Structure formats: structure tokens, C-alpha cells
Amino acid sequence: MITIKIRAPGSPVTKIRVKEGVIVREVINELFSIENQFLYTSINGKQKSLDTVLINNDLLTVFPSTLNRVDVKCKGNIWRIHLYDKDNFPSDFHAHNIDTGEKLDL
């Protein structure tokens, strides 16, 4: 068994014991009643796949993906506004131009 920490919106960080070799998807399915495709997860501040194996003392952060981004069309450009994404985590509120990849801090 290993110990990991879980952080979810509106909840304090909680330590739980899980079997060694468990993947993120298994932990989420056990603890949350949210479909996996609607989740954004990070491990120790970096966005990771739901198939990532957790190791001792990892901090798993879980957010509903609907809280993470919105697309806005402005003067013919589409900007994806992010709260959290694959940039450094946690990142400042920002947007990416969908076509050019340009980043705009908000």
C-alpha cells in the first residue's frame, strides 16, 4: 500500500491509502461520481493521463473540465481561455490563439 493525497474543488487535501501500482482512473472511479472524460487531472502540479501510475506521496488534483476552459471568437480569431492546462501548474489565467498558438496573459 502507498499513501497519496487528493485535492478536489471545495475540499481540503485528503490523504488516502491505495494499492501499489494503482492508476489515476481507478482512484477517480472509486472516489468520484463524475465521468472520466469530464475530468482534468494533475499529479504534483503537472497534467497527466488518467492511465498514469501513482507512486507514494503523489498529490492528485481533480477538476471538472468544464471549469478549465472556454472558447471565445474575437475579430476572426478563436481564443481558448484557460484556468489550468498543460502549461506550468497552477498557471495564471490566460488564453491561447487556436490557430497561431499565441499565448495571452489575462
Foldseek 3Di string as FASTA:
>chain_A
DAWEWEAEPPDDIDIDDDDAFDFQLVVCVVPDPDDPVQKFKDWPFATDDSRDGDDHHIYIYIYGNVVAWDWDADPNWIKIWGCPDRPGPRDATWIATPVPRDIGHD
